[in-house]
Amino acid sequence: MYSDPKDVKDSEAMPPEENVRVQIVISRYIYEKLQQWANAHGKSPSSFAGQIVSSRVEANLDIIDRMSNEKAELSSTDSIDEETQTSSLPLPKNKENK
C-alpha cells in the first residue's frame, strides 16, 4: 500500500510495515556507482538505495531519538520561558493606572 508522506501527520501514525516513497537527487557519477553496486547485489538502484538509507537510519535510531527528545525539551523550555517573560512584563500605564 502506497502512502503519501504529506498525508501523515505524525511518524507514529503510520504502521512501520508500510513503505513510503521518497525522492532524492544525486549526481550522475554517484548514480552510476550506485547502479554498479546494486547490479553486483542483483537489485535495482532504487531498491538498493532504499536499503542503504534504511540501514543507516536504523543504525542511528538511538541518536535520532535522543536528538528528537532534546529538541522537544528545548521547545517546551522555550515556550515556558516566553510565557514567563511575557507574564512578568509590567502592564502599560494608562491614565487610570498612574
PDB file of N, CA and C in Angstrom:
ATOM      1  N   MET A   1       0.840  -1.172   0.000  1.00  0.00           N
ATOM      2  CA  MET A   1       0.000   0.000   0.000  1.00  0.00           C
ATOM      3  C   MET A   1       0.887   1.238   0.000  1.00  0.00           C
ATOM      4  N   TYR A   2       0.617   2.187  -0.902  1.00  0.00           N
ATOM      5  CA  TYR A   2       1.399   3.407  -1.013  1.00  0.00           C
ATOM      6  C   TYR A   2       0.777   4.481  -0.145  1.00  0.00           C
ATOM      7  N   SER A   3       1.593   5.127   0.666  1.00  0.00           N
ATOM      8  CA  SER A   3       1.138   6.230   1.494  1.00  0.00           C
ATOM      9  C   SER A   3       1.912   7.472   1.115  1.00  0.00           C
ATOM     10  N   ASP A   4       1.203   8.545   0.892  1.00  0.00           N
ATOM     11  CA  ASP A   4       1.847   9.814   0.586  1.00  0.00           C
ATOM     12  C   ASP A   4       2.333  10.428   1.882  1.00  0.00           C
ATOM     13  N   PRO A   5       3.631  10.777   1.984  1.00  0.00           N
ATOM     14  CA  PRO A   5       4.155  11.341   3.233  1.00  0.00           C
ATOM     15  C   PRO A   5       3.420  12.600   3.669  1.00  0.00           C
ATOM     16  N   LYS A   6       2.836  13.350   2.720  1.00  0.00           N
ATOM     17  CA  LYS A   6       2.109  14.564   3.074  1.00  0.00           C
ATOM     18  C   LYS A   6       0.836  14.253   3.851  1.00  0.00           C
ATOM     19  N   ASP A   7       0.316  13.043   3.696  1.00  0.00           N
ATOM     20  CA  ASP A   7      -0.906  12.650   4.394  1.00  0.00           C
ATOM     21  C   ASP A   7      -0.634  12.221   5.835  1.00  0.00           C
ATOM     22  N   VAL A   8       0.622  11.997   6.180  1.00  0.00           N
ATOM     23  CA  VAL A   8       0.973  11.509   7.508  1.00  0.00           C
ATOM     24  C   VAL A   8       1.247  12.707   8.414  1.00  0.00           C
ATOM     25  N   LYS A   9       0.454  12.835   9.471  1.00  0.00           N
ATOM     26  CA  LYS A   9       0.606  13.953  10.402  1.00  0.00           C
ATOM     27  C   LYS A   9       1.730  13.696  11.392  1.00  0.00           C
ATOM     28  N   ASP A  10       1.932  12.444  11.770  1.00  0.00           N
ATOM     29  CA  ASP A  10       2.908  12.089  12.784  1.00  0.00           C
ATOM     30  C   ASP A  10       3.543  10.775  12.355  1.00  0.00           C
ATOM     31  N   SER A  11       4.853  10.650  12.560  1.00  0.00           N
ATOM     32  CA  SER A  11       5.522   9.421  12.134  1.00  0.00           C
ATOM     33  C   SER A  11       4.957   8.196  12.843  1.00  0.00           C
ATOM     34  N   GLU A  12       4.367   8.384  14.024  1.00  0.00           N
ATOM     35  CA  GLU A  12       3.768   7.271  14.760  1.00  0.00           C
ATOM     36  C   GLU A  12       2.431   6.852  14.144  1.00  0.00           C
ATOM     37  N   ALA A  13       1.834   7.691  13.308  1.00  0.00           N
ATOM     38  CA  ALA A  13       0.521   7.396  12.747  1.00  0.00           C
ATOM     39  C   ALA A  13       0.579   6.295  11.694  1.00  0.00           C
ATOM     40  N   MET A  14       1.734   6.077  11.097  1.00  0.00           N
ATOM     41  CA  MET A  14       1.858   5.092  10.045  1.00  0.00           C
ATOM     42  C   MET A  14       2.494   3.818  10.593  1.00  0.00           C
ATOM     43  N   PRO A  15       1.862   2.675  10.371  1.00  0.00           N
ATOM     44  CA  PRO A  15       2.464   1.415  10.817  1.00  0.00           C
ATOM     45  C   PRO A  15       3.831   1.229  10.160  1.00  0.00           C
ATOM     46  N   PRO A  16       4.797   0.659  10.879  1.00  0.00           N
ATOM     47  CA  PRO A  16       6.153   0.548  10.349  1.00  0.00           C
ATOM     48  C   PRO A  16       6.276  -0.334   9.111  1.00  0.00           C
ATOM     49  N   GLU A  17       5.309  -1.225   8.858  1.00  0.00           N
ATOM     50  CA  GLU A  17       5.435  -2.116   7.713  1.00  0.00           C
ATOM     51  C   GLU A  17       5.045  -1.453   6.397  1.00  0.00           C
ATOM     52  N   GLU A  18       4.449  -0.277   6.436  1.00  0.00           N
ATOM     53  CA  GLU A  18       4.082   0.414   5.206  1.00  0.00           C
ATOM     54  C   GLU A  18       5.294   1.139   4.640  1.00  0.00           C
ATOM     55  N   ASN A  19       5.435   1.101   3.332  1.00  0.00           N
ATOM     56  CA  ASN A  19       6.540   1.783   2.675  1.00  0.00           C
ATOM     57  C   ASN A  19       6.102   3.168   2.227  1.00  0.00           C
ATOM     58  N   VAL A  20       7.022   4.094   2.244  1.00  0.00           N
ATOM     59  CA  VAL A  20       6.776   5.461   1.815  1.00  0.00           C
ATOM     60  C   VAL A  20       7.768   5.772   0.705  1.00  0.00           C
ATOM     61  N   ARG A  21       7.289   6.370  -0.339  1.00  0.00           N
ATOM     62  CA  ARG A  21       8.149   6.726  -1.470  1.00  0.00           C
ATOM     63  C   ARG A  21       8.836   8.053  -1.158  1.00  0.00           C
ATOM     64  N   VAL A  22      10.162   8.084  -1.382  1.00  0.00           N
ATOM     65  CA  VAL A  22      10.962   9.286  -1.137  1.00  0.00           C
ATOM     66  C   VAL A  22      11.749   9.587  -2.405  1.00  0.00           C
ATOM     67  N   GLN A  23      11.825  10.848  -2.761  1.00  0.00           N
ATOM     68  CA  GLN A  23      12.620  11.243  -3.916  1.00  0.00           C
ATOM     69  C   GLN A  23      13.899  11.905  -3.436  1.00  0.00           C
ATOM     70  N   ILE A  24      15.022  11.521  -4.035  1.00  0.00           N
ATOM     71  CA  ILE A  24      16.303  12.145  -3.705  1.00  0.00           C
ATOM     72  C   ILE A  24      16.985  12.582  -4.993  1.00  0.00           C
ATOM     73  N   VAL A  25      17.937  13.465  -4.862  1.00  0.00           N
ATOM     74  CA  VAL A  25      18.725  13.911  -6.015  1.00  0.00           C
ATOM     75  C   VAL A  25      20.181  13.587  -5.721  1.00  0.00           C
ATOM     76  N   ILE A  26      20.804  12.867  -6.653  1.00  0.00           N
ATOM     77  CA  ILE A  26      22.222  12.543  -6.531  1.00  0.00           C
ATOM     78  C   ILE A  26      22.901  12.860  -7.860  1.00  0.00           C
ATOM     79  N   SER A  27      24.207  12.978  -7.823  1.00  0.00           N
ATOM     80  CA  SER A  27      24.945  13.280  -9.052  1.00  0.00           C
ATOM     81  C   SER A  27      24.917  12.079  -9.999  1.00  0.00           C
ATOM     82  N   ARG A  28      25.170  12.343 -11.249  1.00  0.00           N
ATOM     83  CA  ARG A  28      25.216  11.271 -12.254  1.00  0.00           C
ATOM     84  C   ARG A  28      26.292  10.251 -11.872  1.00  0.00           C
ATOM     85  N   TYR A  29      27.449  10.729 -11.422  1.00  0.00           N
ATOM     86  CA  TYR A  29      28.548   9.841 -11.038  1.00  0.00           C
ATOM     87  C   TYR A  29      28.118   8.902  -9.903  1.00  0.00           C
ATOM     88  N   ILE A  30      27.501   9.464  -8.860  1.00  0.00           N
ATOM     89  CA  ILE A  30      27.053   8.644  -7.728  1.00  0.00           C
ATOM     90  C   ILE A  30      25.982   7.654  -8.194  1.00  0.00           C
ATOM     91  N   TYR A  31      25.094   8.095  -9.086  1.00  0.00           N
ATOM     92  CA  TYR A  31      24.072   7.180  -9.594  1.00  0.00           C
ATOM     93  C   TYR A  31      24.716   6.008 -10.328  1.00  0.00           C
ATOM     94  N   GLU A  32      25.716   6.297 -11.150  1.00  0.00           N
ATOM     95  CA  GLU A  32      26.393   5.219 -11.882  1.00  0.00           C
ATOM     96  C   GLU A  32      27.055   4.238 -10.917  1.00  0.00           C
ATOM     97  N   LYS A  33      27.680   4.753  -9.860  1.00  0.00           N
ATOM     98  CA  LYS A  33      28.306   3.882  -8.864  1.00  0.00           C
ATOM     99  C   LYS A  33      27.242   3.083  -8.103  1.00  0.00           C
ATOM    100  N   LEU A  34      26.136   3.735  -7.776  1.00  0.00           N
ATOM    101  CA  LEU A  34      25.026   3.046  -7.116  1.00  0.00           C
ATOM    102  C   LEU A  34      24.499   1.930  -8.016  1.00  0.00           C
ATOM    103  N   GLN A  35      24.385   2.226  -9.296  1.00  0.00           N
ATOM    104  CA  GLN A  35      23.903   1.236 -10.254  1.00  0.00           C
ATOM    105  C   GLN A  35      24.855   0.030 -10.314  1.00  0.00           C
ATOM    106  N   GLN A  36      26.143   0.274 -10.332  1.00  0.00           N
ATOM    107  CA  GLN A  36      27.126  -0.820 -10.341  1.00  0.00           C
ATOM    108  C   GLN A  36      27.021  -1.642  -9.058  1.00  0.00           C
ATOM    109  N   TRP A  37      26.912  -0.952  -7.941  1.00  0.00           N
ATOM    110  CA  TRP A  37      26.826  -1.608  -6.642  1.00  0.00           C
ATOM    111  C   TRP A  37      25.556  -2.452  -6.554  1.00  0.00           C
ATOM    112  N   ALA A  38      24.439  -1.871  -7.003  1.00  0.00           N
ATOM    113  CA  ALA A  38      23.166  -2.585  -6.966  1.00  0.00           C
ATOM    114  C   ALA A  38      23.201  -3.805  -7.884  1.00  0.00           C
ATOM    115  N   ASN A  39      23.773  -3.641  -9.069  1.00  0.00           N
ATOM    116  CA  ASN A  39      23.873  -4.766 -10.001  1.00  0.00           C
ATOM    117  C   ASN A  39      24.684  -5.908  -9.411  1.00  0.00           C
ATOM    118  N   ALA A  40      25.740  -5.571  -8.679  1.00  0.00           N
ATOM    119  CA  ALA A  40      26.573  -6.596  -8.050  1.00  0.00           C
ATOM    120  C   ALA A  40      25.786  -7.390  -7.008  1.00  0.00           C
ATOM    121  N   HIS A  41      24.745  -6.763  -6.449  1.00  0.00           N
ATOM    122  CA  HIS A  41      23.905  -7.433  -5.447  1.00  0.00           C
ATOM    123  C   HIS A  41      22.597  -7.951  -6.040  1.00  0.00           C
ATOM    124  N   GLY A  42      22.439  -7.806  -7.362  1.00  0.00           N
ATOM    125  CA  GLY A  42      21.238  -8.303  -8.028  1.00  0.00           C
ATOM    126  C   GLY A  42      19.979  -7.508  -7.707  1.00  0.00           C
ATOM    127  N   LYS A  43      20.130  -6.233  -7.477  1.00  0.00           N
ATOM    128  CA  LYS A  43      18.990  -5.386  -7.121  1.00  0.00           C
ATOM    129  C   LYS A  43      18.929  -4.183  -8.048  1.00  0.00           C
ATOM    130  N   SER A  44      17.769  -3.521  -8.059  1.00  0.00           N
ATOM    131  CA  SER A  44      17.658  -2.274  -8.809  1.00  0.00           C
ATOM    132  C   SER A  44      18.303  -1.153  -7.996  1.00  0.00           C
ATOM    133  N   PRO A  45      18.779  -0.099  -8.654  1.00  0.00           N
ATOM    134  CA  PRO A  45      19.385   1.005  -7.906  1.00  0.00           C
ATOM    135  C   PRO A  45      18.445   1.620  -6.874  1.00  0.00           C
ATOM    136  N   SER A  46      17.179   1.747  -7.204  1.00  0.00           N
ATOM    137  CA  SER A  46      16.255   2.376  -6.249  1.00  0.00           C
ATOM    138  C   SER A  46      16.016   1.497  -5.024  1.00  0.00           C
ATOM    139  N   SER A  47      15.873   0.190  -5.214  1.00  0.00           N
ATOM    140  CA  SER A  47      15.654  -0.657  -4.035  1.00  0.00           C
ATOM    141  C   SER A  47      16.930  -0.770  -3.209  1.00  0.00           C
ATOM    142  N   PHE A  48      18.094  -0.785  -3.875  1.00  0.00           N
ATOM    143  CA  PHE A  48      19.347  -0.859  -3.131  1.00  0.00           C
ATOM    144  C   PHE A  48      19.582   0.437  -2.356  1.00  0.00           C
ATOM    145  N   ALA A  49      19.276   1.586  -2.979  1.00  0.00           N
ATOM    146  CA  ALA A  49      19.408   2.872  -2.284  1.00  0.00           C
ATOM    147  C   ALA A  49      18.476   2.909  -1.077  1.00  0.00           C
ATOM    148  N   GLY A  50      17.268   2.374  -1.228  1.00  0.00           N
ATOM    149  CA  GLY A  50      16.339   2.307  -0.099  1.00  0.00           C
ATOM    150  C   GLY A  50      16.883   1.476   1.038  1.00  0.00           C
ATOM    151  N   GLN A  51      17.519   0.356   0.708  1.00  0.00           N
ATOM    152  CA  GLN A  51      18.116  -0.483   1.741  1.00  0.00           C
ATOM    153  C   GLN A  51      19.270   0.229   2.438  1.00  0.00           C
ATOM    154  N   ILE A  52      20.071   0.968   1.666  1.00  0.00           N
ATOM    155  CA  ILE A  52      21.202   1.699   2.250  1.00  0.00           C
ATOM    156  C   ILE A  52      20.692   2.766   3.213  1.00  0.00           C
ATOM    157  N   VAL A  53      19.735   3.543   2.780  1.00  0.00           N
ATOM    158  CA  VAL A  53      19.189   4.607   3.626  1.00  0.00           C
ATOM    159  C   VAL A  53      18.536   4.008   4.864  1.00  0.00           C
ATOM    160  N   SER A  54      17.732   2.985   4.685  1.00  0.00           N
ATOM    161  CA  SER A  54      17.066   2.342   5.824  1.00  0.00           C
ATOM    162  C   SER A  54      18.067   1.816   6.840  1.00  0.00           C
ATOM    163  N   SER A  55      19.124   1.178   6.358  1.00  0.00           N
ATOM    164  CA  SER A  55      20.106   0.617   7.296  1.00  0.00           C
ATOM    165  C   SER A  55      20.842   1.719   8.054  1.00  0.00           C
ATOM    166  N   ARG A  56      21.120   2.850   7.404  1.00  0.00           N
ATOM    167  CA  ARG A  56      21.798   3.959   8.087  1.00  0.00           C
ATOM    168  C   ARG A  56      20.878   4.599   9.129  1.00  0.00           C
ATOM    169  N   VAL A  57      19.605   4.728   8.811  1.00  0.00           N
ATOM    170  CA  VAL A  57      18.655   5.277   9.783  1.00  0.00           C
ATOM    171  C   VAL A  57      18.525   4.323  10.968  1.00  0.00           C
ATOM    172  N   GLU A  58      18.352   3.040  10.687  1.00  0.00           N
ATOM    173  CA  GLU A  58      18.231   2.053  11.765  1.00  0.00           C
ATOM    174  C   GLU A  58      19.479   2.017  12.641  1.00  0.00           C
ATOM    175  N   ALA A  59      20.649   2.180  12.039  1.00  0.00           N
ATOM    176  CA  ALA A  59      21.892   2.166  12.807  1.00  0.00           C
ATOM    177  C   ALA A  59      22.001   3.381  13.731  1.00  0.00           C
ATOM    178  N   ASN A  60      21.267   4.426  13.422  1.00  0.00           N
ATOM    179  CA  ASN A  60      21.341   5.670  14.197  1.00  0.00           C
ATOM    180  C   ASN A  60      20.060   5.983  14.961  1.00  0.00           C
ATOM    181  N   LEU A  61      19.197   4.986  15.191  1.00  0.00           N
ATOM    182  CA  LEU A  61      17.927   5.237  15.871  1.00  0.00           C
ATOM    183  C   LEU A  61      18.110   5.860  17.253  1.00  0.00           C
ATOM    184  N   ASP A  62      19.090   5.393  18.015  1.00  0.00           N
ATOM    185  CA  ASP A  62      19.322   5.958  19.348  1.00  0.00           C
ATOM    186  C   ASP A  62      19.669   7.438  19.263  1.00  0.00           C
ATOM    187  N   ILE A  63      20.545   7.778  18.336  1.00  0.00           N
ATOM    188  CA  ILE A  63      20.944   9.182  18.168  1.00  0.00           C
ATOM    189  C   ILE A  63      19.758  10.022  17.713  1.00  0.00           C
ATOM    190  N   ILE A  64      18.993   9.498  16.762  1.00  0.00           N
ATOM    191  CA  ILE A  64      17.828  10.220  16.247  1.00  0.00           C
ATOM    192  C   ILE A  64      16.818  10.462  17.361  1.00  0.00           C
ATOM    193  N   ASP A  65      16.534   9.425  18.158  1.00  0.00           N
ATOM    194  CA  ASP A  65      15.592   9.573  19.274  1.00  0.00           C
ATOM    195  C   ASP A  65      16.096  10.583  20.298  1.00  0.00           C
ATOM    196  N   ARG A  66      17.385  10.521  20.608  1.00  0.00           N
ATOM    197  CA  ARG A  66      17.958  11.458  21.586  1.00  0.00           C
ATOM    198  C   ARG A  66      17.850  12.895  21.071  1.00  0.00           C
ATOM    199  N   MET A  67      18.186  13.102  19.801  1.00  0.00           N
ATOM    200  CA  MET A  67      18.106  14.444  19.221  1.00  0.00           C
ATOM    201  C   MET A  67      16.667  14.948  19.221  1.00  0.00           C
ATOM    202  N   SER A  68      15.740  14.070  18.904  1.00  0.00           N
ATOM    203  CA  SER A  68      14.326  14.448  18.890  1.00  0.00           C
ATOM    204  C   SER A  68      13.846  14.824  20.285  1.00  0.00           C
ATOM    205  N   ASN A  69      14.244  14.036  21.292  1.00  0.00           N
ATOM    206  CA  ASN A  69      13.865  14.334  22.675  1.00  0.00           C
ATOM    207  C   ASN A  69      14.477  15.642  23.150  1.00  0.00           C
ATOM    208  N   GLU A  70      15.742  15.882  22.798  1.00  0.00           N
ATOM    209  CA  GLU A  70      16.401  17.126  23.192  1.00  0.00           C
ATOM    210  C   GLU A  70      15.705  18.326  22.553  1.00  0.00           C
ATOM    211  N   LYS A  71      15.319  18.182  21.303  1.00  0.00           N
ATOM    212  CA  LYS A  71      14.625  19.274  20.609  1.00  0.00           C
ATOM    213  C   LYS A  71      13.275  19.536  21.268  1.00  0.00           C
ATOM    214  N   ALA A  72      12.560  18.470  21.626  1.00  0.00           N
ATOM    215  CA  ALA A  72      11.262  18.636  22.284  1.00  0.00           C
ATOM    216  C   ALA A  72      11.427  19.309  23.636  1.00  0.00           C
ATOM    217  N   GLU A  73      12.465  18.926  24.375  1.00  0.00           N
ATOM    218  CA  GLU A  73      12.716  19.549  25.680  1.00  0.00           C
ATOM    219  C   GLU A  73      13.046  21.023  25.518  1.00  0.00           C
ATOM    220  N   LEU A  74      13.875  21.346  24.521  1.00  0.00           N
ATOM    221  CA  LEU A  74      14.212  22.744  24.279  1.00  0.00           C
ATOM    222  C   LEU A  74      12.987  23.544  23.869  1.00  0.00           C
ATOM    223  N   SER A  75      12.158  22.958  23.033  1.00  0.00           N
ATOM    224  CA  SER A  75      10.945  23.643  22.586  1.00  0.00           C
ATOM    225  C   SER A  75      10.021  23.924  23.759  1.00  0.00           C
ATOM    226  N   SER A  76       9.838  22.949  24.638  1.00  0.00           N
ATOM    227  CA  SER A  76       8.951  23.156  25.785  1.00  0.00           C
ATOM    228  C   SER A  76       9.557  24.165  26.750  1.00  0.00           C
ATOM    229  N   THR A  77      10.876  24.151  26.914  1.00  0.00           N
ATOM    230  CA  THR A  77      11.550  25.122  27.775  1.00  0.00           C
ATOM    231  C   THR A  77      11.430  26.516  27.188  1.00  0.00           C
ATOM    232  N   ASP A  78      11.602  26.645  25.877  1.00  0.00           N
ATOM    233  CA  ASP A  78      11.492  27.946  25.228  1.00  0.00           C
ATOM    234  C   ASP A  78      10.096  28.521  25.383  1.00  0.00           C
ATOM    235  N   SER A  79       9.073  27.686  25.222  1.00  0.00           N
ATOM    236  CA  SER A  79       7.707  28.195  25.345  1.00  0.00           C
ATOM    237  C   SER A  79       7.409  28.586  26.778  1.00  0.00           C
ATOM    238  N   ILE A  80       7.949  27.860  27.752  1.00  0.00           N
ATOM    239  CA  ILE A  80       7.756  28.218  29.157  1.00  0.00           C
ATOM    240  C   ILE A  80       8.470  29.534  29.446  1.00  0.00           C
ATOM    241  N   ASP A  81       9.697  29.687  28.940  1.00  0.00           N
ATOM    242  CA  ASP A  81      10.435  30.930  29.136  1.00  0.00           C
ATOM    243  C   ASP A  81       9.699  32.113  28.529  1.00  0.00           C
ATOM    244  N   GLU A  82       9.150  31.946  27.334  1.00  0.00           N
ATOM    245  CA  GLU A  82       8.416  33.032  26.698  1.00  0.00           C
ATOM    246  C   GLU A  82       7.191  33.405  27.513  1.00  0.00           C
ATOM    247  N   GLU A  83       6.473  32.403  28.039  1.00  0.00           N
ATOM    248  CA  GLU A  83       5.301  32.682  28.865  1.00  0.00           C
ATOM    249  C   GLU A  83       5.708  33.415  30.134  1.00  0.00           C
ATOM    250  N   THR A  84       6.804  32.980  30.750  1.00  0.00           N
ATOM    251  CA  THR A  84       7.286  33.606  31.980  1.00  0.00           C
ATOM    252  C   THR A  84       7.687  35.045  31.714  1.00  0.00           C
ATOM    253  N   GLN A  85       8.428  35.269  30.635  1.00  0.00           N
ATOM    254  CA  GLN A  85       8.855  36.617  30.303  1.00  0.00           C
ATOM    255  C   GLN A  85       7.669  37.505  29.989  1.00  0.00           C
ATOM    256  N   THR A  86       6.711  37.000  29.268  1.00  0.00           N
ATOM    257  CA  THR A  86       5.539  37.780  28.902  1.00  0.00           C
ATOM    258  C   THR A  86       4.712  38.106  30.130  1.00  0.00           C
ATOM    259  N   SER A  87       4.526  37.130  31.022  1.00  0.00           N
ATOM    260  CA  SER A  87       3.690  37.369  32.193  1.00  0.00           C
ATOM    261  C   SER A  87       4.365  38.284  33.208  1.00  0.00           C
ATOM    262  N   SER A  88       5.702  38.376  33.169  1.00  0.00           N
ATOM    263  CA  SER A  88       6.394  39.217  34.135  1.00  0.00           C
ATOM    264  C   SER A  88       6.576  40.652  33.654  1.00  0.00           C
ATOM    265  N   LEU A  89       6.166  40.930  32.432  1.00  0.00           N
ATOM    266  CA  LEU A  89       6.268  42.288  31.930  1.00  0.00           C
ATOM    267  C   LEU A  89       5.267  43.186  32.639  1.00  0.00           C
ATOM    268  N   PRO A  90       5.665  44.418  32.959  1.00  0.00           N
ATOM    269  CA  PRO A  90       4.708  45.315  33.617  1.00  0.00           C
ATOM    270  C   PRO A  90       3.604  45.719  32.654  1.00  0.00           C
ATOM    271  N   LEU A  91       2.443  45.961  33.205  1.00  0.00           N
ATOM    272  CA  LEU A  91       1.332  46.418  32.392  1.00  0.00           C
ATOM    273  C   LEU A  91       1.589  47.842  31.938  1.00  0.00           C
ATOM    274  N   PRO A  92       1.195  48.151  30.721  1.00  0.00           N
ATOM    275  CA  PRO A  92       1.398  49.528  30.251  1.00  0.00           C
ATOM    276  C   PRO A  92       0.541  50.489  31.094  1.00  0.00           C
ATOM    277  N   LYS A  93       1.094  51.641  31.365  1.00  0.00           N
ATOM    278  CA  LYS A  93       0.368  52.625  32.168  1.00  0.00           C
ATOM    279  C   LYS A  93      -0.592  53.401  31.284  1.00  0.00           C
ATOM    280  N   ASN A  94      -1.757  53.557  31.783  1.00  0.00           N
ATOM    281  CA  ASN A  94      -2.709  54.417  31.104  1.00  0.00           C
ATOM    282  C   ASN A  94      -3.142  55.477  32.114  1.00  0.00           C
ATOM    283  N   LYS A  95      -4.059  56.293  31.767  1.00  0.00           N
ATOM    284  CA  LYS A  95      -4.473  57.404  32.639  1.00  0.00           C
ATOM    285  C   LYS A  95      -5.026  56.908  33.962  1.00  0.00           C
ATOM    286  N   GLU A  96      -5.665  55.752  33.968  1.00  0.00           N
ATOM    287  CA  GLU A  96      -6.276  55.232  35.187  1.00  0.00           C
ATOM    288  C   GLU A  96      -5.263  54.554  36.089  1.00  0.00           C
ATOM    289  N   ASN A  97      -4.127  54.026  35.581  1.00  0.00           N
ATOM    290  CA  ASN A  97      -3.144  53.289  36.362  1.00  0.00           C
ATOM    291  C   ASN A  97      -1.995  54.169  36.868  1.00  0.00           C
ATOM    292  N   LYS A  98      -2.053  55.461  36.702  1.00  0.00           N
ATOM    293  CA  LYS A  98      -0.948  56.325  37.114  1.00  0.00           C
ATOM    294  C   LYS A  98      -0.756  56.355  38.551  1.00  0.00           C
TER     295      LYS A  98
END
